[in-house]
Amino acid sequence: MWHYKQQPALDEQDAHGHRFVIAEELERGGYRYRSFANECDVYDEVSNRREPDRFLYEMVVQDSASAVYFDYEWEFADAD
């Protein structure tokens, strides 16, 4: 579930033992947040979006490793 404030997503992460909190910038300004159990769930979220909507940010949470980085379009981008 997406939340329009950080704290509910962080609480959800703690309650369910999720590994990632992801933020999405909104067109009208501000962000929405969601916790994900693992990298596969994050990948599913990103890969099921239209290309223009694939810009998300990983929230680096205190006492938590930050090991995931996705740049899916790089490999398929036109040569500059």
N, C-alpha and C. Protein backbone atom coordinates (compact mmCIF):
# COMPACT_ATOMS: atom_id res chain seq x y z
N MET A 1 0.84 -1.17 0.00
CA MET A 1 0.00 0.00 0.00
C MET A 1 0.89 1.24 0.00
N TRP A 2 0.56 2.19 -0.87
CA TRP A 2 1.31 3.44 -0.92
C TRP A 2 0.80 4.40 0.15
N HIS A 3 1.73 5.16 0.75
CA HIS A 3 1.40 6.13 1.79
C HIS A 3 1.93 7.50 1.36
N TYR A 4 1.23 8.54 1.75
CA TYR A 4 1.64 9.90 1.38
C TYR A 4 2.51 10.56 2.44
N LYS A 5 2.86 9.81 3.47
CA LYS A 5 3.82 10.24 4.47
C LYS A 5 4.80 9.09 4.70
N GLN A 6 6.04 9.43 5.08
CA GLN A 6 7.08 8.41 5.27
C GLN A 6 6.79 7.46 6.43
N GLN A 7 6.35 8.00 7.54
CA GLN A 7 6.26 7.19 8.76
C GLN A 7 5.38 5.95 8.62
N PRO A 8 4.20 6.04 7.99
CA PRO A 8 3.41 4.80 7.84
C PRO A 8 4.14 3.72 7.04
N ALA A 9 4.92 4.11 6.04
CA ALA A 9 5.69 3.13 5.26
C ALA A 9 6.80 2.52 6.11
N LEU A 10 7.44 3.34 6.92
CA LEU A 10 8.49 2.84 7.82
C LEU A 10 7.89 1.92 8.88
N ASP A 11 6.72 2.27 9.39
CA ASP A 11 6.03 1.42 10.37
C ASP A 11 5.66 0.08 9.73
N GLU A 12 5.19 0.13 8.49
CA GLU A 12 4.83 -1.09 7.76
C GLU A 12 6.06 -1.97 7.54
N GLN A 13 7.18 -1.33 7.23
CA GLN A 13 8.43 -2.07 7.06
C GLN A 13 8.79 -2.81 8.34
N ASP A 14 8.73 -2.12 9.47
CA ASP A 14 9.05 -2.74 10.76
C ASP A 14 8.06 -3.85 11.12
N ALA A 15 6.78 -3.59 10.90
CA ALA A 15 5.75 -4.56 11.29
C ALA A 15 5.82 -5.86 10.49
N HIS A 16 6.22 -5.75 9.22
CA HIS A 16 6.23 -6.92 8.35
C HIS A 16 7.62 -7.46 8.04
N GLY A 17 8.65 -6.81 8.59
CA GLY A 17 10.02 -7.26 8.33
C GLY A 17 10.47 -7.03 6.90
N HIS A 18 9.92 -6.00 6.26
CA HIS A 18 10.31 -5.70 4.88
C HIS A 18 11.71 -5.11 4.82
N ARG A 19 12.37 -5.28 3.69
CA ARG A 19 13.75 -4.83 3.55
C ARG A 19 13.89 -3.48 2.89
N PHE A 20 12.87 -3.01 2.15
CA PHE A 20 13.02 -1.77 1.38
C PHE A 20 11.83 -0.84 1.59
N VAL A 21 12.13 0.45 1.62
CA VAL A 21 11.10 1.49 1.52
C VAL A 21 11.46 2.31 0.29
N ILE A 22 10.48 2.44 -0.59
CA ILE A 22 10.68 3.12 -1.86
C ILE A 22 9.84 4.38 -1.88
N ALA A 23 10.40 5.47 -2.44
CA ALA A 23 9.67 6.73 -2.57
C ALA A 23 9.45 7.02 -4.05
N GLU A 24 8.29 7.57 -4.36
CA GLU A 24 7.97 7.99 -5.73
C GLU A 24 7.62 9.47 -5.71
N GLU A 25 8.28 10.25 -6.55
CA GLU A 25 7.98 11.67 -6.65
C GLU A 25 6.68 11.86 -7.43
N LEU A 26 5.80 12.69 -6.90
CA LEU A 26 4.51 12.93 -7.53
C LEU A 26 4.56 14.14 -8.45
N GLU A 27 3.81 14.11 -9.53
CA GLU A 27 3.79 15.23 -10.47
C GLU A 27 3.35 16.53 -9.82
N ARG A 28 2.42 16.45 -8.89
CA ARG A 28 1.91 17.65 -8.22
C ARG A 28 2.82 18.14 -7.10
N GLY A 29 3.93 17.41 -6.89
CA GLY A 29 4.86 17.75 -5.82
C GLY A 29 4.71 16.78 -4.67
N GLY A 30 5.76 16.64 -3.92
CA GLY A 30 5.76 15.72 -2.80
C GLY A 30 6.05 14.29 -3.25
N TYR A 31 5.91 13.37 -2.33
CA TYR A 31 6.25 11.96 -2.57
C TYR A 31 5.18 11.06 -1.98
N ARG A 32 5.21 9.80 -2.42
CA ARG A 32 4.47 8.75 -1.73
C ARG A 32 5.44 7.61 -1.48
N TYR A 33 5.14 6.78 -0.48
CA TYR A 33 6.09 5.80 0.04
C TYR A 33 5.43 4.44 0.18
N ARG A 34 6.25 3.41 0.00
CA ARG A 34 5.75 2.04 0.16
C ARG A 34 6.89 1.13 0.60
N SER A 35 6.58 0.17 1.45
CA SER A 35 7.59 -0.81 1.84
C SER A 35 7.43 -2.06 0.98
N PHE A 36 8.55 -2.70 0.71
CA PHE A 36 8.60 -3.92 -0.10
C PHE A 36 9.39 -4.98 0.66
N ALA A 37 8.95 -6.21 0.56
CA ALA A 37 9.57 -7.30 1.30
C ALA A 37 10.99 -7.59 0.84
N ASN A 38 11.24 -7.52 -0.47
CA ASN A 38 12.55 -7.92 -1.00
C ASN A 38 12.80 -7.29 -2.37
N GLU A 39 13.98 -7.56 -2.93
CA GLU A 39 14.35 -6.99 -4.22
C GLU A 39 13.42 -7.45 -5.34
N CYS A 40 12.95 -8.68 -5.28
CA CYS A 40 12.04 -9.19 -6.31
C CYS A 40 10.74 -8.38 -6.35
N ASP A 41 10.23 -8.02 -5.19
CA ASP A 41 9.01 -7.21 -5.14
C ASP A 41 9.24 -5.82 -5.71
N VAL A 42 10.41 -5.24 -5.42
CA VAL A 42 10.74 -3.93 -5.99
C VAL A 42 10.85 -4.05 -7.50
N TYR A 43 11.55 -5.07 -7.97
CA TYR A 43 11.70 -5.28 -9.41
C TYR A 43 10.34 -5.44 -10.08
N ASP A 44 9.44 -6.21 -9.48
CA ASP A 44 8.10 -6.40 -10.05
C ASP A 44 7.37 -5.06 -10.16
N GLU A 45 7.47 -4.24 -9.14
CA GLU A 45 6.83 -2.93 -9.16
C GLU A 45 7.36 -2.08 -10.31
N VAL A 46 8.68 -2.02 -10.44
CA VAL A 46 9.29 -1.19 -11.47
C VAL A 46 9.01 -1.74 -12.87
N SER A 47 9.17 -3.03 -13.06
CA SER A 47 9.03 -3.61 -14.40
C SER A 47 7.59 -3.60 -14.91
N ASN A 48 6.62 -3.50 -14.01
CA ASN A 48 5.22 -3.44 -14.43
C ASN A 48 4.73 -2.03 -14.73
N ARG A 49 5.62 -1.06 -14.63
CA ARG A 49 5.26 0.34 -14.90
C ARG A 49 5.62 0.71 -16.34
N ARG A 50 4.93 1.73 -16.84
CA ARG A 50 5.32 2.31 -18.13
C ARG A 50 6.69 2.97 -17.95
N GLU A 51 7.46 3.03 -19.02
CA GLU A 51 8.82 3.58 -18.92
C GLU A 51 8.88 4.96 -18.26
N PRO A 52 8.00 5.90 -18.61
CA PRO A 52 8.09 7.22 -17.97
C PRO A 52 7.82 7.21 -16.47
N ASP A 53 7.23 6.14 -15.96
CA ASP A 53 6.88 6.07 -14.54
C ASP A 53 7.84 5.21 -13.72
N ARG A 54 8.99 4.91 -14.26
CA ARG A 54 9.93 3.99 -13.58
C ARG A 54 10.99 4.70 -12.74
N PHE A 55 10.73 5.91 -12.33
CA PHE A 55 11.69 6.65 -11.51
C PHE A 55 11.26 6.58 -10.05
N LEU A 56 11.97 5.77 -9.29
CA LEU A 56 11.68 5.60 -7.87
C LEU A 56 12.98 5.76 -7.09
N TYR A 57 12.86 6.04 -5.81
CA TYR A 57 14.01 6.24 -4.94
C TYR A 57 13.97 5.26 -3.78
N GLU A 58 15.11 4.67 -3.48
CA GLU A 58 15.19 3.82 -2.29
C GLU A 58 15.44 4.71 -1.09
N MET A 59 14.67 4.51 -0.05
CA MET A 59 14.88 5.21 1.20
C MET A 59 15.94 4.45 1.99
N VAL A 60 17.00 5.12 2.37
CA VAL A 60 18.02 4.48 3.18
C VAL A 60 17.62 4.68 4.63
N VAL A 61 17.29 3.58 5.27
CA VAL A 61 16.77 3.61 6.64
C VAL A 61 17.90 3.31 7.62
N GLN A 62 17.88 4.00 8.75
CA GLN A 62 18.91 3.81 9.77
C GLN A 62 19.06 2.33 10.12
N ASP A 63 20.30 1.89 10.28
CA ASP A 63 20.63 0.51 10.64
C ASP A 63 20.17 -0.51 9.60
N SER A 64 20.15 -0.09 8.34
CA SER A 64 19.72 -0.97 7.26
C SER A 64 20.67 -0.81 6.08
N ALA A 65 21.04 -1.92 5.47
CA ALA A 65 21.92 -1.86 4.30
C ALA A 65 21.18 -1.32 3.10
N SER A 66 21.91 -0.65 2.23
CA SER A 66 21.35 -0.14 0.98
C SER A 66 22.12 -0.78 -0.15
N ALA A 67 21.59 -1.86 -0.70
CA ALA A 67 22.35 -2.63 -1.69
C ALA A 67 21.71 -2.69 -3.06
N VAL A 68 20.52 -2.19 -3.21
CA VAL A 68 19.81 -2.33 -4.49
C VAL A 68 19.98 -1.06 -5.32
N TYR A 69 20.23 -1.22 -6.62
CA TYR A 69 20.29 -0.10 -7.55
C TYR A 69 19.81 -0.60 -8.89
N PHE A 70 18.81 0.05 -9.45
CA PHE A 70 18.27 -0.34 -10.74
C PHE A 70 18.43 0.79 -11.75
N ASP A 71 18.93 0.48 -12.91
CA ASP A 71 18.96 1.41 -14.04
C ASP A 71 18.62 0.59 -15.27
N TYR A 72 17.38 0.19 -15.38
CA TYR A 72 16.95 -0.75 -16.42
C TYR A 72 17.11 -0.20 -17.82
N GLU A 73 16.86 1.09 -18.01
CA GLU A 73 16.87 1.66 -19.35
C GLU A 73 18.27 1.85 -19.92
N TRP A 74 19.27 1.91 -19.07
CA TRP A 74 20.63 2.20 -19.53
C TRP A 74 21.06 1.25 -20.63
N GLU A 75 20.86 0.01 -20.44
CA GLU A 75 21.31 -1.02 -21.37
C GLU A 75 20.57 -0.92 -22.71
N PHE A 76 19.37 -0.38 -22.71
CA PHE A 76 18.55 -0.34 -23.91
C PHE A 76 18.45 1.05 -24.53
N ALA A 77 19.10 2.02 -23.93
CA ALA A 77 19.01 3.39 -24.41
C ALA A 77 19.72 3.55 -25.75
N ASP A 78 19.24 4.53 -26.52
CA ASP A 78 19.91 4.85 -27.79
C ASP A 78 21.30 5.38 -27.51
N ALA A 79 22.23 5.08 -28.39
CA ALA A 79 23.59 5.60 -28.24
C ALA A 79 23.57 7.10 -28.44
N ASP A 80 24.30 7.82 -27.60
CA ASP A 80 24.38 9.29 -27.74
C ASP A 80 25.59 9.66 -28.54
